[in-house]
Amino acid sequence: MSESNNLPQAISHKKLNYLMMKAQKDPHFSDALSEIESPEQREFDGLMDNWEVTTKKLVKELSKRKENLIKDKSPNSLIALGAMEVHLNMALQALNAFNKEVDD
């Protein structure tokens, strides 16, 4: 009961945000959350993680080997390859935006 006497009557948003950012995560709470998470959600998260890793590898390889890949290709093939690379990068950006919102 004496602990509650030491609590401030008010706190600013700035101070509250600072305290929340510096607060340590409760491991018990995160364990409880993982138990609540459905198997479908875990499967989806795993698929998304695998897709992200694979897509990043593919984009990196495209950048490295572009000269060898475009040798003796038609203009339509080059346009298609460029479009694929752009769409993969946009998809990765969309995933990052989605993950950022989930984390917030």
PDB file of N, CA and C in Angstrom:
ATOM      1  N   MET A   1       0.808  -1.180   0.000  1.00  0.00           N
ATOM      2  CA  MET A   1       0.000   0.000   0.000  1.00  0.00           C
ATOM      3  C   MET A   1       0.862   1.259   0.000  1.00  0.00           C
ATOM      4  N   SER A   2       2.006   1.197   0.668  1.00  0.00           N
ATOM      5  CA  SER A   2       2.879   2.372   0.726  1.00  0.00           C
ATOM      6  C   SER A   2       3.476   2.674  -0.653  1.00  0.00           C
ATOM      7  N   GLU A   3       3.578   1.637  -1.542  1.00  0.00           N
ATOM      8  CA  GLU A   3       4.100   1.858  -2.890  1.00  0.00           C
ATOM      9  C   GLU A   3       3.192   2.787  -3.677  1.00  0.00           C
ATOM     10  N   SER A   4       1.897   2.668  -3.497  1.00  0.00           N
ATOM     11  CA  SER A   4       0.967   3.497  -4.262  1.00  0.00           C
ATOM     12  C   SER A   4       1.063   4.964  -3.844  1.00  0.00           C
ATOM     13  N   ASN A   5       1.559   5.229  -2.650  1.00  0.00           N
ATOM     14  CA  ASN A   5       1.730   6.620  -2.216  1.00  0.00           C
ATOM     15  C   ASN A   5       2.870   7.310  -2.962  1.00  0.00           C
ATOM     16  N   ASN A   6       3.802   6.531  -3.512  1.00  0.00           N
ATOM     17  CA  ASN A   6       4.947   7.086  -4.225  1.00  0.00           C
ATOM     18  C   ASN A   6       4.643   7.372  -5.692  1.00  0.00           C
ATOM     19  N   LEU A   7       3.478   6.964  -6.178  1.00  0.00           N
ATOM     20  CA  LEU A   7       3.138   7.165  -7.586  1.00  0.00           C
ATOM     21  C   LEU A   7       2.766   8.618  -7.842  1.00  0.00           C
ATOM     22  N   PRO A   8       3.168   9.154  -8.997  1.00  0.00           N
ATOM     23  CA  PRO A   8       2.815  10.539  -9.314  1.00  0.00           C
ATOM     24  C   PRO A   8       1.327  10.652  -9.650  1.00  0.00           C
ATOM     25  N   GLN A   9       0.782  11.813  -9.461  1.00  0.00           N
ATOM     26  CA  GLN A   9      -0.631  12.048  -9.764  1.00  0.00           C
ATOM     27  C   GLN A   9      -0.868  12.165 -11.270  1.00  0.00           C
ATOM     28  N   ALA A  10       0.137  12.620 -12.012  1.00  0.00           N
ATOM     29  CA  ALA A  10       0.002  12.779 -13.452  1.00  0.00           C
ATOM     30  C   ALA A  10       1.351  12.506 -14.118  1.00  0.00           C
ATOM     31  N   ILE A  11       1.298  12.209 -15.432  1.00  0.00           N
ATOM     32  CA  ILE A  11       2.514  11.974 -16.200  1.00  0.00           C
ATOM     33  C   ILE A  11       2.272  12.488 -17.618  1.00  0.00           C
ATOM     34  N   SER A  12       3.267  13.093 -18.196  1.00  0.00           N
ATOM     35  CA  SER A  12       3.109  13.628 -19.549  1.00  0.00           C
ATOM     36  C   SER A  12       3.204  12.505 -20.571  1.00  0.00           C
ATOM     37  N   HIS A  13       2.663  12.762 -21.772  1.00  0.00           N
ATOM     38  CA  HIS A  13       2.765  11.781 -22.850  1.00  0.00           C
ATOM     39  C   HIS A  13       4.221  11.528 -23.202  1.00  0.00           C
ATOM     40  N   LYS A  14       4.995  12.570 -23.216  1.00  0.00           N
ATOM     41  CA  LYS A  14       6.412  12.446 -23.561  1.00  0.00           C
ATOM     42  C   LYS A  14       7.117  11.520 -22.575  1.00  0.00           C
ATOM     43  N   LYS A  15       6.875  11.716 -21.309  1.00  0.00           N
ATOM     44  CA  LYS A  15       7.500  10.889 -20.278  1.00  0.00           C
ATOM     45  C   LYS A  15       6.978   9.446 -20.367  1.00  0.00           C
ATOM     46  N   LEU A  16       5.679   9.288 -20.589  1.00  0.00           N
ATOM     47  CA  LEU A  16       5.091   7.958 -20.703  1.00  0.00           C
ATOM     48  C   LEU A  16       5.663   7.206 -21.900  1.00  0.00           C
ATOM     49  N   ASN A  17       5.759   7.883 -23.054  1.00  0.00           N
ATOM     50  CA  ASN A  17       6.345   7.253 -24.241  1.00  0.00           C
ATOM     51  C   ASN A  17       7.783   6.854 -23.987  1.00  0.00           C
ATOM     52  N   TYR A  18       8.539   7.715 -23.326  1.00  0.00           N
ATOM     53  CA  TYR A  18       9.925   7.411 -22.997  1.00  0.00           C
ATOM     54  C   TYR A  18       9.999   6.154 -22.126  1.00  0.00           C
ATOM     55  N   LEU A  19       9.166   6.090 -21.105  1.00  0.00           N
ATOM     56  CA  LEU A  19       9.173   4.933 -20.200  1.00  0.00           C
ATOM     57  C   LEU A  19       8.782   3.651 -20.935  1.00  0.00           C
ATOM     58  N   MET A  20       7.806   3.759 -21.824  1.00  0.00           N
ATOM     59  CA  MET A  20       7.355   2.575 -22.566  1.00  0.00           C
ATOM     60  C   MET A  20       8.432   2.083 -23.532  1.00  0.00           C
ATOM     61  N   MET A  21       9.169   3.004 -24.139  1.00  0.00           N
ATOM     62  CA  MET A  21      10.228   2.613 -25.064  1.00  0.00           C
ATOM     63  C   MET A  21      11.383   1.938 -24.327  1.00  0.00           C
ATOM     64  N   LYS A  22      11.638   2.367 -23.100  1.00  0.00           N
ATOM     65  CA  LYS A  22      12.750   1.828 -22.319  1.00  0.00           C
ATOM     66  C   LYS A  22      12.358   0.603 -21.493  1.00  0.00           C
ATOM     67  N   ALA A  23      11.077   0.316 -21.401  1.00  0.00           N
ATOM     68  CA  ALA A  23      10.618  -0.795 -20.567  1.00  0.00           C
ATOM     69  C   ALA A  23      11.075  -2.128 -21.153  1.00  0.00           C
ATOM     70  N   GLN A  24      11.433  -3.047 -20.289  1.00  0.00           N
ATOM     71  CA  GLN A  24      11.845  -4.374 -20.725  1.00  0.00           C
ATOM     72  C   GLN A  24      10.607  -5.206 -21.008  1.00  0.00           C
ATOM     73  N   LYS A  25      10.721  -6.066 -22.008  1.00  0.00           N
ATOM     74  CA  LYS A  25       9.617  -6.960 -22.352  1.00  0.00           C
ATOM     75  C   LYS A  25       9.488  -8.027 -21.274  1.00  0.00           C
ATOM     76  N   ASP A  26       8.263  -8.366 -20.953  1.00  0.00           N
ATOM     77  CA  ASP A  26       7.985  -9.408 -19.980  1.00  0.00           C
ATOM     78  C   ASP A  26       8.006 -10.754 -20.710  1.00  0.00           C
ATOM     79  N   PRO A  27       8.983 -11.620 -20.425  1.00  0.00           N
ATOM     80  CA  PRO A  27       9.071 -12.885 -21.160  1.00  0.00           C
ATOM     81  C   PRO A  27       7.845 -13.768 -20.946  1.00  0.00           C
ATOM     82  N   HIS A  28       7.246 -13.698 -19.780  1.00  0.00           N
ATOM     83  CA  HIS A  28       6.055 -14.491 -19.506  1.00  0.00           C
ATOM     84  C   HIS A  28       4.913 -14.058 -20.413  1.00  0.00           C
ATOM     85  N   PHE A  29       4.782 -12.760 -20.633  1.00  0.00           N
ATOM     86  CA  PHE A  29       3.719 -12.230 -21.482  1.00  0.00           C
ATOM     87  C   PHE A  29       3.905 -12.683 -22.927  1.00  0.00           C
ATOM     88  N   SER A  30       5.136 -12.641 -23.452  1.00  0.00           N
ATOM     89  CA  SER A  30       5.376 -13.056 -24.834  1.00  0.00           C
ATOM     90  C   SER A  30       5.152 -14.554 -24.997  1.00  0.00           C
ATOM     91  N   ASP A  31       5.460 -15.364 -23.962  1.00  0.00           N
ATOM     92  CA  ASP A  31       5.175 -16.793 -24.019  1.00  0.00           C
ATOM     93  C   ASP A  31       3.679 -17.040 -24.077  1.00  0.00           C
ATOM     94  N   ALA A  32       2.920 -16.258 -23.320  1.00  0.00           N
ATOM     95  CA  ALA A  32       1.468 -16.399 -23.335  1.00  0.00           C
ATOM     96  C   ALA A  32       0.906 -16.039 -24.702  1.00  0.00           C
ATOM     97  N   LEU A  33       1.461 -15.020 -25.343  1.00  0.00           N
ATOM     98  CA  LEU A  33       1.005 -14.629 -26.673  1.00  0.00           C
ATOM     99  C   LEU A  33       1.266 -15.730 -27.697  1.00  0.00           C
ATOM    100  N   SER A  34       2.420 -16.374 -27.614  1.00  0.00           N
ATOM    101  CA  SER A  34       2.737 -17.419 -28.583  1.00  0.00           C
ATOM    102  C   SER A  34       1.816 -18.623 -28.419  1.00  0.00           C
ATOM    103  N   GLU A  35       1.342 -18.874 -27.205  1.00  0.00           N
ATOM    104  CA  GLU A  35       0.396 -19.962 -26.983  1.00  0.00           C
ATOM    105  C   GLU A  35      -0.956 -19.638 -27.592  1.00  0.00           C
ATOM    106  N   ILE A  36      -1.323 -18.352 -27.612  1.00  0.00           N
ATOM    107  CA  ILE A  36      -2.608 -17.931 -28.162  1.00  0.00           C
ATOM    108  C   ILE A  36      -2.593 -17.970 -29.686  1.00  0.00           C
ATOM    109  N   GLU A  37      -1.431 -17.732 -30.276  1.00  0.00           N
ATOM    110  CA  GLU A  37      -1.301 -17.668 -31.731  1.00  0.00           C
ATOM    111  C   GLU A  37      -1.743 -18.984 -32.362  1.00  0.00           C
ATOM    112  N   SER A  38      -2.516 -18.891 -33.413  1.00  0.00           N
ATOM    113  CA  SER A  38      -3.065 -20.089 -34.047  1.00  0.00           C
ATOM    114  C   SER A  38      -2.009 -20.777 -34.919  1.00  0.00           C
ATOM    115  N   PRO A  39      -2.196 -22.065 -35.158  1.00  0.00           N
ATOM    116  CA  PRO A  39      -1.275 -22.780 -36.054  1.00  0.00           C
ATOM    117  C   PRO A  39      -1.273 -22.168 -37.457  1.00  0.00           C
ATOM    118  N   GLU A  40      -2.433 -21.692 -37.908  1.00  0.00           N
ATOM    119  CA  GLU A  40      -2.507 -21.060 -39.229  1.00  0.00           C
ATOM    120  C   GLU A  40      -1.649 -19.806 -39.273  1.00  0.00           C
ATOM    121  N   GLN A  41      -1.657 -19.025 -38.190  1.00  0.00           N
ATOM    122  CA  GLN A  41      -0.861 -17.804 -38.145  1.00  0.00           C
ATOM    123  C   GLN A  41       0.626 -18.137 -38.149  1.00  0.00           C
ATOM    124  N   ARG A  42       1.013 -19.150 -37.403  1.00  0.00           N
ATOM    125  CA  ARG A  42       2.418 -19.562 -37.390  1.00  0.00           C
ATOM    126  C   ARG A  42       2.859 -20.047 -38.768  1.00  0.00           C
ATOM    127  N   GLU A  43       1.980 -20.815 -39.430  1.00  0.00           N
ATOM    128  CA  GLU A  43       2.309 -21.304 -40.773  1.00  0.00           C
ATOM    129  C   GLU A  43       2.455 -20.128 -41.745  1.00  0.00           C
ATOM    130  N   PHE A  44       1.521 -19.181 -41.670  1.00  0.00           N
ATOM    131  CA  PHE A  44       1.575 -17.999 -42.532  1.00  0.00           C
ATOM    132  C   PHE A  44       2.858 -17.216 -42.287  1.00  0.00           C
ATOM    133  N   ASP A  45       3.189 -16.991 -41.022  1.00  0.00           N
ATOM    134  CA  ASP A  45       4.411 -16.252 -40.686  1.00  0.00           C
ATOM    135  C   ASP A  45       5.646 -16.962 -41.228  1.00  0.00           C
ATOM    136  N   GLY A  46       5.673 -18.284 -41.132  1.00  0.00           N
ATOM    137  CA  GLY A  46       6.793 -19.054 -41.656  1.00  0.00           C
ATOM    138  C   GLY A  46       6.900 -18.928 -43.174  1.00  0.00           C
ATOM    139  N   LEU A  47       5.757 -18.992 -43.845  1.00  0.00           N
ATOM    140  CA  LEU A  47       5.760 -18.830 -45.302  1.00  0.00           C
ATOM    141  C   LEU A  47       6.250 -17.444 -45.701  1.00  0.00           C
ATOM    142  N   MET A  48       5.809 -16.432 -44.987  1.00  0.00           N
ATOM    143  CA  MET A  48       6.229 -15.065 -45.293  1.00  0.00           C
ATOM    144  C   MET A  48       7.726 -14.899 -45.061  1.00  0.00           C
ATOM    145  N   ASP A  49       8.241 -15.469 -43.987  1.00  0.00           N
ATOM    146  CA  ASP A  49       9.681 -15.390 -43.716  1.00  0.00           C
ATOM    147  C   ASP A  49      10.485 -16.071 -44.823  1.00  0.00           C
ATOM    148  N   ASN A  50      10.032 -17.275 -45.218  1.00  0.00           N
ATOM    149  CA  ASN A  50      10.719 -18.001 -46.291  1.00  0.00           C
ATOM    150  C   ASN A  50      10.660 -17.216 -47.601  1.00  0.00           C
ATOM    151  N   TRP A  51       9.488 -16.647 -47.914  1.00  0.00           N
ATOM    152  CA  TRP A  51       9.334 -15.875 -49.141  1.00  0.00           C
ATOM    153  C   TRP A  51      10.288 -14.677 -49.138  1.00  0.00           C
ATOM    154  N   GLU A  52      10.375 -13.991 -47.991  1.00  0.00           N
ATOM    155  CA  GLU A  52      11.241 -12.814 -47.903  1.00  0.00           C
ATOM    156  C   GLU A  52      12.701 -13.188 -48.147  1.00  0.00           C
ATOM    157  N   VAL A  53      13.156 -14.243 -47.511  1.00  0.00           N
ATOM    158  CA  VAL A  53      14.553 -14.668 -47.659  1.00  0.00           C
ATOM    159  C   VAL A  53      14.830 -15.071 -49.108  1.00  0.00           C
ATOM    160  N   THR A  54      13.943 -15.862 -49.694  1.00  0.00           N
ATOM    161  CA  THR A  54      14.122 -16.322 -51.066  1.00  0.00           C
ATOM    162  C   THR A  54      14.094 -15.164 -52.051  1.00  0.00           C
ATOM    163  N   THR A  55      13.185 -14.232 -51.857  1.00  0.00           N
ATOM    164  CA  THR A  55      13.063 -13.091 -52.763  1.00  0.00           C
ATOM    165  C   THR A  55      14.291 -12.200 -52.683  1.00  0.00           C
ATOM    166  N   LYS A  56      14.793 -11.978 -51.479  1.00  0.00           N
ATOM    167  CA  LYS A  56      16.009 -11.172 -51.338  1.00  0.00           C
ATOM    168  C   LYS A  56      17.190 -11.836 -52.041  1.00  0.00           C
ATOM    169  N   LYS A  57      17.302 -13.162 -51.922  1.00  0.00           N
ATOM    170  CA  LYS A  57      18.375 -13.885 -52.613  1.00  0.00           C
ATOM    171  C   LYS A  57      18.231 -13.739 -54.125  1.00  0.00           C
ATOM    172  N   LEU A  58      17.004 -13.857 -54.622  1.00  0.00           N
ATOM    173  CA  LEU A  58      16.759 -13.759 -56.050  1.00  0.00           C
ATOM    174  C   LEU A  58      17.111 -12.370 -56.581  1.00  0.00           C
ATOM    175  N   VAL A  59      16.699 -11.335 -55.873  1.00  0.00           N
ATOM    176  CA  VAL A  59      17.007  -9.961 -56.292  1.00  0.00           C
ATOM    177  C   VAL A  59      18.523  -9.736 -56.287  1.00  0.00           C
ATOM    178  N   LYS A  60      19.191 -10.261 -55.286  1.00  0.00           N
ATOM    179  CA  LYS A  60      20.645 -10.115 -55.200  1.00  0.00           C
ATOM    180  C   LYS A  60      21.333 -10.824 -56.372  1.00  0.00           C
ATOM    181  N   GLU A  61      20.878 -12.024 -56.682  1.00  0.00           N
ATOM    182  CA  GLU A  61      21.457 -12.768 -57.802  1.00  0.00           C
ATOM    183  C   GLU A  61      21.173 -12.075 -59.129  1.00  0.00           C
ATOM    184  N   LEU A  62      19.983 -11.515 -59.284  1.00  0.00           N
ATOM    185  CA  LEU A  62      19.668 -10.764 -60.497  1.00  0.00           C
ATOM    186  C   LEU A  62      20.639  -9.602 -60.674  1.00  0.00           C
ATOM    187  N   SER A  63      20.926  -8.916 -59.594  1.00  0.00           N
ATOM    188  CA  SER A  63      21.847  -7.785 -59.670  1.00  0.00           C
ATOM    189  C   SER A  63      23.264  -8.232 -60.029  1.00  0.00           C
ATOM    190  N   LYS A  64      23.699  -9.340 -59.446  1.00  0.00           N
ATOM    191  CA  LYS A  64      25.054  -9.849 -59.685  1.00  0.00           C
ATOM    192  C   LYS A  64      25.239 -10.342 -61.123  1.00  0.00           C
ATOM    193  N   ARG A  65      24.261 -11.072 -61.602  1.00  0.00           N
ATOM    194  CA  ARG A  65      24.423 -11.797 -62.864  1.00  0.00           C
ATOM    195  C   ARG A  65      23.676 -11.150 -64.034  1.00  0.00           C
ATOM    196  N   LYS A  66      23.318  -9.911 -63.894  1.00  0.00           N
ATOM    197  CA  LYS A  66      22.505  -9.265 -64.917  1.00  0.00           C
ATOM    198  C   LYS A  66      23.155  -9.339 -66.297  1.00  0.00           C
ATOM    199  N   GLU A  67      24.449  -9.108 -66.375  1.00  0.00           N
ATOM    200  CA  GLU A  67      25.137  -9.126 -67.670  1.00  0.00           C
ATOM    201  C   GLU A  67      25.017 -10.492 -68.345  1.00  0.00           C
ATOM    202  N   ASN A  68      25.193 -11.566 -67.587  1.00  0.00           N
ATOM    203  CA  ASN A  68      25.084 -12.914 -68.156  1.00  0.00           C
ATOM    204  C   ASN A  68      23.644 -13.264 -68.509  1.00  0.00           C
ATOM    205  N   LEU A  69      22.705 -12.764 -67.733  1.00  0.00           N
ATOM    206  CA  LEU A  69      21.302 -13.086 -67.968  1.00  0.00           C
ATOM    207  C   LEU A  69      20.749 -12.408 -69.217  1.00  0.00           C
ATOM    208  N   ILE A  70      21.229 -11.213 -69.518  1.00  0.00           N
ATOM    209  CA  ILE A  70      20.648 -10.462 -70.634  1.00  0.00           C
ATOM    210  C   ILE A  70      21.342 -10.737 -71.974  1.00  0.00           C
ATOM    211  N   LYS A  71      22.410 -11.486 -71.940  1.00  0.00           N
ATOM    212  CA  LYS A  71      23.128 -11.804 -73.178  1.00  0.00           C
ATOM    213  C   LYS A  71      22.226 -12.603 -74.111  1.00  0.00           C
ATOM    214  N   ASP A  72      22.116 -12.169 -75.342  1.00  0.00           N
ATOM    215  CA  ASP A  72      21.349 -12.865 -76.392  1.00  0.00           C
ATOM    216  C   ASP A  72      19.856 -12.977 -76.087  1.00  0.00           C
ATOM    217  N   LYS A  73      19.295 -12.026 -75.366  1.00  0.00           N
ATOM    218  CA  LYS A  73      17.860 -12.046 -75.063  1.00  0.00           C
ATOM    219  C   LYS A  73      17.148 -11.017 -75.932  1.00  0.00           C
ATOM    220  N   SER A  74      15.903 -11.291 -76.200  1.00  0.00           N
ATOM    221  CA  SER A  74      15.107 -10.361 -77.001  1.00  0.00           C
ATOM    222  C   SER A  74      14.723  -9.155 -76.157  1.00  0.00           C
ATOM    223  N   PRO A  75      14.347  -8.056 -76.802  1.00  0.00           N
ATOM    224  CA  PRO A  75      13.904  -6.881 -76.043  1.00  0.00           C
ATOM    225  C   PRO A  75      12.723  -7.175 -75.110  1.00  0.00           C
ATOM    226  N   ASN A  76      11.795  -8.006 -75.566  1.00  0.00           N
ATOM    227  CA  ASN A  76      10.660  -8.361 -74.708  1.00  0.00           C
ATOM    228  C   ASN A  76      11.099  -9.128 -73.464  1.00  0.00           C
ATOM    229  N   SER A  77      12.083  -9.989 -73.624  1.00  0.00           N
ATOM    230  CA  SER A  77      12.614 -10.729 -72.473  1.00  0.00           C
ATOM    231  C   SER A  77      13.286  -9.794 -71.482  1.00  0.00           C
ATOM    232  N   LEU A  78      14.017  -8.813 -71.999  1.00  0.00           N
ATOM    233  CA  LEU A  78      14.689  -7.847 -71.123  1.00  0.00           C
ATOM    234  C   LEU A  78      13.678  -7.000 -70.361  1.00  0.00           C
ATOM    235  N   ILE A  79      12.623  -6.590 -71.057  1.00  0.00           N
ATOM    236  CA  ILE A  79      11.567  -5.809 -70.399  1.00  0.00           C
ATOM    237  C   ILE A  79      10.906  -6.648 -69.313  1.00  0.00           C
ATOM    238  N   ALA A  80      10.641  -7.915 -69.629  1.00  0.00           N
ATOM    239  CA  ALA A  80      10.000  -8.805 -68.655  1.00  0.00           C
ATOM    240  C   ALA A  80      10.883  -9.011 -67.423  1.00  0.00           C
ATOM    241  N   LEU A  81      12.168  -9.203 -67.646  1.00  0.00           N
ATOM    242  CA  LEU A  81      13.090  -9.394 -66.520  1.00  0.00           C
ATOM    243  C   LEU A  81      13.162  -8.139 -65.654  1.00  0.00           C
ATOM    244  N   GLY A  82      13.236  -6.978 -66.295  1.00  0.00           N
ATOM    245  CA  GLY A  82      13.253  -5.718 -65.548  1.00  0.00           C
ATOM    246  C   GLY A  82      11.980  -5.519 -64.746  1.00  0.00           C
ATOM    247  N   ALA A  83      10.845  -5.821 -65.373  1.00  0.00           N
ATOM    248  CA  ALA A  83       9.556  -5.689 -64.676  1.00  0.00           C
ATOM    249  C   ALA A  83       9.480  -6.633 -63.483  1.00  0.00           C
ATOM    250  N   MET A  84       9.984  -7.852 -63.658  1.00  0.00           N
ATOM    251  CA  MET A  84       9.974  -8.805 -62.547  1.00  0.00           C
ATOM    252  C   MET A  84      10.811  -8.288 -61.381  1.00  0.00           C
ATOM    253  N   GLU A  85      11.992  -7.765 -61.700  1.00  0.00           N
ATOM    254  CA  GLU A  85      12.866  -7.243 -60.650  1.00  0.00           C
ATOM    255  C   GLU A  85      12.203  -6.081 -59.905  1.00  0.00           C
ATOM    256  N   VAL A  86      11.563  -5.189 -60.630  1.00  0.00           N
ATOM    257  CA  VAL A  86      10.876  -4.053 -60.011  1.00  0.00           C
ATOM    258  C   VAL A  86       9.738  -4.538 -59.115  1.00  0.00           C
ATOM    259  N   HIS A  87       8.966  -5.497 -59.614  1.00  0.00           N
ATOM    260  CA  HIS A  87       7.839  -6.003 -58.816  1.00  0.00           C
ATOM    261  C   HIS A  87       8.313  -6.732 -57.557  1.00  0.00           C
ATOM    262  N   LEU A  88       9.397  -7.450 -57.666  1.00  0.00           N
ATOM    263  CA  LEU A  88       9.942  -8.115 -56.472  1.00  0.00           C
ATOM    264  C   LEU A  88      10.375  -7.086 -55.427  1.00  0.00           C
ATOM    265  N   ASN A  89      11.046  -6.031 -55.881  1.00  0.00           N
ATOM    266  CA  ASN A  89      11.465  -4.978 -54.943  1.00  0.00           C
ATOM    267  C   ASN A  89      10.263  -4.272 -54.313  1.00  0.00           C
ATOM    268  N   MET A  90       9.231  -4.014 -55.115  1.00  0.00           N
ATOM    269  CA  MET A  90       8.031  -3.381 -54.562  1.00  0.00           C
ATOM    270  C   MET A  90       7.342  -4.299 -53.550  1.00  0.00           C
ATOM    271  N   ALA A  91       7.329  -5.587 -53.842  1.00  0.00           N
ATOM    272  CA  ALA A  91       6.719  -6.544 -52.915  1.00  0.00           C
ATOM    273  C   ALA A  91       7.486  -6.589 -51.596  1.00  0.00           C
ATOM    274  N   LEU A  92       8.804  -6.518 -51.666  1.00  0.00           N
ATOM    275  CA  LEU A  92       9.606  -6.487 -50.433  1.00  0.00           C
ATOM    276  C   LEU A  92       9.332  -5.215 -49.639  1.00  0.00           C
ATOM    277  N   GLN A  93       9.184  -4.094 -50.327  1.00  0.00           N
ATOM    278  CA  GLN A  93       8.853  -2.844 -49.642  1.00  0.00           C
ATOM    279  C   GLN A  93       7.479  -2.928 -48.989  1.00  0.00           C
ATOM    280  N   ALA A  94       6.531  -3.556 -49.676  1.00  0.00           N
ATOM    281  CA  ALA A  94       5.189  -3.724 -49.107  1.00  0.00           C
ATOM    282  C   ALA A  94       5.237  -4.604 -47.863  1.00  0.00           C
ATOM    283  N   LEU A  95       6.021  -5.656 -47.919  1.00  0.00           N
ATOM    284  CA  LEU A  95       6.168  -6.534 -46.749  1.00  0.00           C
ATOM    285  C   LEU A  95       6.785  -5.774 -45.578  1.00  0.00           C
ATOM    286  N   ASN A  96       7.804  -4.960 -45.853  1.00  0.00           N
ATOM    287  CA  ASN A  96       8.416  -4.165 -44.786  1.00  0.00           C
ATOM    288  C   ASN A  96       7.410  -3.197 -44.175  1.00  0.00           C
ATOM    289  N   ALA A  97       6.586  -2.571 -45.001  1.00  0.00           N
ATOM    290  CA  ALA A  97       5.562  -1.659 -44.486  1.00  0.00           C
ATOM    291  C   ALA A  97       4.543  -2.415 -43.639  1.00  0.00           C
ATOM    292  N   PHE A  98       4.156  -3.597 -44.082  1.00  0.00           N
ATOM    293  CA  PHE A  98       3.221  -4.422 -43.327  1.00  0.00           C
ATOM    294  C   PHE A  98       3.812  -4.824 -41.979  1.00  0.00           C
ATOM    295  N   ASN A  99       5.052  -5.286 -41.994  1.00  0.00           N
ATOM    296  CA  ASN A  99       5.715  -5.696 -40.746  1.00  0.00           C
ATOM    297  C   ASN A  99       5.914  -4.528 -39.801  1.00  0.00           C
ATOM    298  N   LYS A 100       6.216  -3.357 -40.330  1.00  0.00           N
ATOM    299  CA  LYS A 100       6.396  -2.170 -39.488  1.00  0.00           C
ATOM    300  C   LYS A 100       5.097  -1.826 -38.776  1.00  0.00           C
ATOM    301  N   GLU A 101       3.980  -1.893 -39.492  1.00  0.00           N
ATOM    302  CA  GLU A 101       2.687  -1.572 -38.876  1.00  0.00           C
ATOM    303  C   GLU A 101       2.306  -2.601 -37.824  1.00  0.00           C
ATOM    304  N   VAL A 102       2.629  -3.876 -38.081  1.00  0.00           N
ATOM    305  CA  VAL A 102       2.341  -4.937 -37.117  1.00  0.00           C
ATOM    306  C   VAL A 102       3.140  -4.723 -35.839  1.00  0.00           C
ATOM    307  N   ASP A 103       4.416  -4.307 -35.978  1.00  0.00           N
ATOM    308  CA  ASP A 103       5.285  -4.101 -34.819  1.00  0.00           C
ATOM    309  C   ASP A 103       4.859  -2.890 -34.011  1.00  0.00           C
ATOM    310  N   ASP A 104       4.284  -1.883 -34.667  1.00  0.00           N
ATOM    311  CA  ASP A 104       3.853  -0.674 -33.959  1.00  0.00           C
ATOM    312  C   ASP A 104       2.633  -0.969 -33.162  1.00  0.00           C
TER     313      ASP A 104
END
